[in-house]
Amino acid sequence: MRTTCYLSIVTFLAVAGCATEPTTVTTTTTTQEVTTTGPAREVVVSRPPPPVRVETQTVAPGPGYVWTTGYWRWTGTTYVWVPGTWVVRPRPTVVWVAGHWVPRYNGWVWVPGHWQ
């Protein structure tokens, strides 16, 4: 009887030890920024953008910053104003070319701003 009792307790403890807390697993996803050299897909907007807004340029936050003017962004249904901002010049010799809308035979196409 005593052996059966001890065997029951040992079996119970062994089975109880199997029920442990689930292990927390943390996963990390890494993304990579890819720069392409080919032409981007052009979106032709049938209506012209509104007139460019006149903005007050604030004081530069530090040396090496360049002011990028605001522009009208096409959302797919309407134009939305994106205000100008200060950006850090990547190299001392580069110049910021502002983005602009170019008229095409069937509408308007956005040319994004870039460093040159």
C-alpha atoms as a PDB file:
ATOM      1  CA  MET A   1       0.000   0.000   0.000  1.00  0.00           C
ATOM      2  CA  ARG A   2       2.810   2.322   0.955  1.00  0.00           C
ATOM      3  CA  THR A   3       4.597   1.700  -2.376  1.00  0.00           C
ATOM      4  CA  THR A   4       1.410   2.363  -4.298  1.00  0.00           C
ATOM      5  CA  CYS A   5       0.926   5.616  -2.395  1.00  0.00           C
ATOM      6  CA  TYR A   6       4.502   6.765  -3.094  1.00  0.00           C
ATOM      7  CA  LEU A   7       4.185   5.716  -6.736  1.00  0.00           C
ATOM      8  CA  SER A   8       0.950   7.732  -7.069  1.00  0.00           C
ATOM      9  CA  ILE A   9       2.596  10.824  -5.560  1.00  0.00           C
ATOM     10  CA  VAL A  10       5.674  10.519  -7.799  1.00  0.00           C
ATOM     11  CA  THR A  11       3.457  10.041 -10.864  1.00  0.00           C
ATOM     12  CA  PHE A  12       1.360  13.063  -9.896  1.00  0.00           C
ATOM     13  CA  LEU A  13       4.459  15.231  -9.412  1.00  0.00           C
ATOM     14  CA  ALA A  14       5.941  14.079 -12.726  1.00  0.00           C
ATOM     15  CA  VAL A  15       2.748  14.897 -14.606  1.00  0.00           C
ATOM     16  CA  ALA A  16       2.333  18.219 -12.762  1.00  0.00           C
ATOM     17  CA  GLY A  17       5.903  19.152 -13.736  1.00  0.00           C
ATOM     18  CA  CYS A  18       4.961  18.812 -17.430  1.00  0.00           C
ATOM     19  CA  ALA A  19       2.441  21.638 -17.173  1.00  0.00           C
ATOM     20  CA  THR A  20       4.824  24.589 -17.378  1.00  0.00           C
ATOM     21  CA  GLU A  21       4.239  28.184 -18.393  1.00  0.00           C
ATOM     22  CA  PRO A  22       4.394  28.760 -22.156  1.00  0.00           C
ATOM     23  CA  THR A  23       7.690  30.148 -23.389  1.00  0.00           C
ATOM     24  CA  THR A  24       7.606  33.711 -24.727  1.00  0.00           C
ATOM     25  CA  VAL A  25       9.100  33.954 -28.204  1.00  0.00           C
ATOM     26  CA  THR A  26      10.193  37.311 -29.577  1.00  0.00           C
ATOM     27  CA  THR A  27      10.691  37.698 -33.304  1.00  0.00           C
ATOM     28  CA  THR A  28      12.367  40.582 -35.088  1.00  0.00           C
ATOM     29  CA  THR A  29      11.595  41.584 -38.653  1.00  0.00           C
ATOM     30  CA  THR A  30      14.273  43.427 -40.577  1.00  0.00           C
ATOM     31  CA  THR A  31      13.339  45.622 -43.508  1.00  0.00           C
ATOM     32  CA  GLN A  32      15.667  47.021 -46.110  1.00  0.00           C
ATOM     33  CA  GLU A  33      15.357  50.312 -47.962  1.00  0.00           C
ATOM     34  CA  VAL A  34      15.909  49.792 -51.665  1.00  0.00           C
ATOM     35  CA  THR A  35      16.801  52.571 -54.091  1.00  0.00           C
ATOM     36  CA  THR A  36      16.023  51.941 -57.726  1.00  0.00           C
ATOM     37  CA  THR A  37      17.705  53.615 -60.661  1.00  0.00           C
ATOM     38  CA  GLY A  38      14.968  53.034 -63.237  1.00  0.00           C
ATOM     39  CA  PRO A  39      12.090  55.408 -63.954  1.00  0.00           C
ATOM     40  CA  ALA A  40       9.239  55.442 -61.467  1.00  0.00           C
ATOM     41  CA  ARG A  41       5.673  54.816 -62.555  1.00  0.00           C
ATOM     42  CA  GLU A  42       4.104  58.134 -63.501  1.00  0.00           C
ATOM     43  CA  VAL A  43       0.631  59.001 -62.292  1.00  0.00           C
ATOM     44  CA  VAL A  44      -1.124  61.427 -64.619  1.00  0.00           C
ATOM     45  CA  VAL A  45      -3.665  63.686 -62.907  1.00  0.00           C
ATOM     46  CA  SER A  46      -6.293  65.124 -65.222  1.00  0.00           C
ATOM     47  CA  ARG A  47      -6.856  68.356 -63.270  1.00  0.00           C
ATOM     48  CA  PRO A  48      -4.153  70.947 -62.599  1.00  0.00           C
ATOM     49  CA  PRO A  49      -2.737  71.440 -59.108  1.00  0.00           C
ATOM     50  CA  PRO A  50      -3.841  74.510 -57.134  1.00  0.00           C
ATOM     51  CA  PRO A  51      -1.485  77.510 -57.031  1.00  0.00           C
ATOM     52  CA  VAL A  52       1.565  76.995 -54.814  1.00  0.00           C
ATOM     53  CA  ARG A  53       1.071  78.475 -51.350  1.00  0.00           C
ATOM     54  CA  VAL A  54       3.366  81.196 -50.074  1.00  0.00           C
ATOM     55  CA  GLU A  55       5.084  79.903 -46.943  1.00  0.00           C
ATOM     56  CA  THR A  56       7.099  81.637 -44.271  1.00  0.00           C
ATOM     57  CA  GLN A  57      10.514  80.027 -44.107  1.00  0.00           C
ATOM     58  CA  THR A  58      11.545  79.537 -40.492  1.00  0.00           C
ATOM     59  CA  VAL A  59      15.073  79.820 -39.097  1.00  0.00           C
ATOM     60  CA  ALA A  60      17.324  76.871 -39.948  1.00  0.00           C
ATOM     61  CA  PRO A  61      17.691  74.442 -37.033  1.00  0.00           C
ATOM     62  CA  GLY A  62      21.453  74.306 -37.568  1.00  0.00           C
ATOM     63  CA  PRO A  63      24.271  74.432 -40.107  1.00  0.00           C
ATOM     64  CA  GLY A  64      23.973  72.103 -43.073  1.00  0.00           C
ATOM     65  CA  TYR A  65      20.166  72.311 -43.333  1.00  0.00           C
ATOM     66  CA  VAL A  66      18.339  73.179 -46.562  1.00  0.00           C
ATOM     67  CA  TRP A  67      14.744  74.437 -46.855  1.00  0.00           C
ATOM     68  CA  THR A  68      12.490  72.307 -49.054  1.00  0.00           C
ATOM     69  CA  THR A  69       9.399  74.179 -50.204  1.00  0.00           C
ATOM     70  CA  GLY A  70       5.893  72.863 -49.713  1.00  0.00           C
ATOM     71  CA  TYR A  71       3.957  71.221 -52.534  1.00  0.00           C
ATOM     72  CA  TRP A  72       0.582  69.829 -53.509  1.00  0.00           C
ATOM     73  CA  ARG A  73       0.417  66.009 -53.185  1.00  0.00           C
ATOM     74  CA  TRP A  74      -2.173  64.050 -55.148  1.00  0.00           C
ATOM     75  CA  THR A  75      -4.041  61.519 -52.937  1.00  0.00           C
ATOM     76  CA  GLY A  76      -5.848  59.782 -55.762  1.00  0.00           C
ATOM     77  CA  THR A  77      -8.968  61.903 -55.364  1.00  0.00           C
ATOM     78  CA  THR A  78      -7.787  65.390 -54.367  1.00  0.00           C
ATOM     79  CA  TYR A  79      -4.745  67.570 -53.770  1.00  0.00           C
ATOM     80  CA  VAL A  80      -3.384  67.943 -50.210  1.00  0.00           C
ATOM     81  CA  TRP A  81      -0.824  70.577 -49.181  1.00  0.00           C
ATOM     82  CA  VAL A  82       2.453  69.256 -47.740  1.00  0.00           C
ATOM     83  CA  PRO A  83       4.250  72.083 -45.895  1.00  0.00           C
ATOM     84  CA  GLY A  84       7.908  72.903 -46.454  1.00  0.00           C
ATOM     85  CA  THR A  85      10.524  71.620 -44.048  1.00  0.00           C
ATOM     86  CA  TRP A  86      14.222  71.701 -43.216  1.00  0.00           C
ATOM     87  CA  VAL A  87      16.322  68.695 -44.287  1.00  0.00           C
ATOM     88  CA  VAL A  88      19.987  67.904 -43.693  1.00  0.00           C
ATOM     89  CA  ARG A  89      22.183  68.249 -46.754  1.00  0.00           C
ATOM     90  CA  PRO A  90      23.772  64.806 -47.329  1.00  0.00           C
ATOM     91  CA  ARG A  91      27.001  66.262 -48.790  1.00  0.00           C
ATOM     92  CA  PRO A  92      28.285  69.853 -48.883  1.00  0.00           C
ATOM     93  CA  THR A  93      28.329  70.014 -52.687  1.00  0.00           C
ATOM     94  CA  VAL A  94      24.770  68.868 -53.460  1.00  0.00           C
ATOM     95  CA  VAL A  95      21.835  71.147 -54.266  1.00  0.00           C
ATOM     96  CA  TRP A  96      18.143  70.465 -53.571  1.00  0.00           C
ATOM     97  CA  VAL A  97      15.947  70.494 -56.685  1.00  0.00           C
ATOM     98  CA  ALA A  98      12.359  71.134 -55.579  1.00  0.00           C
ATOM     99  CA  GLY A  99       9.588  68.798 -56.654  1.00  0.00           C
ATOM    100  CA  HIS A 100       7.137  70.229 -59.172  1.00  0.00           C
ATOM    101  CA  TRP A 101       4.152  69.429 -61.364  1.00  0.00           C
ATOM    102  CA  VAL A 102       4.813  69.133 -65.098  1.00  0.00           C
ATOM    103  CA  PRO A 103       2.014  69.490 -67.669  1.00  0.00           C
ATOM    104  CA  ARG A 104       1.609  66.553 -70.041  1.00  0.00           C
ATOM    105  CA  TYR A 105      -0.624  66.278 -73.103  1.00  0.00           C
ATOM    106  CA  ASN A 106      -3.333  64.507 -71.064  1.00  0.00           C
ATOM    107  CA  GLY A 107      -2.833  65.969 -67.566  1.00  0.00           C
ATOM    108  CA  TRP A 108      -0.210  66.722 -64.921  1.00  0.00           C
ATOM    109  CA  VAL A 109       2.682  64.568 -63.624  1.00  0.00           C
ATOM    110  CA  TRP A 110       4.572  65.019 -60.325  1.00  0.00           C
ATOM    111  CA  VAL A 111       8.378  65.168 -60.469  1.00  0.00           C
ATOM    112  CA  PRO A 112       9.664  64.508 -56.914  1.00  0.00           C
ATOM    113  CA  GLY A 113      12.279  66.701 -55.281  1.00  0.00           C
ATOM    114  CA  HIS A 114      15.822  65.281 -55.245  1.00  0.00           C
ATOM    115  CA  TRP A 115      19.465  66.053 -54.523  1.00  0.00           C
ATOM    116  CA  GLN A 116      21.669  66.924 -57.467  1.00  0.00           C
END
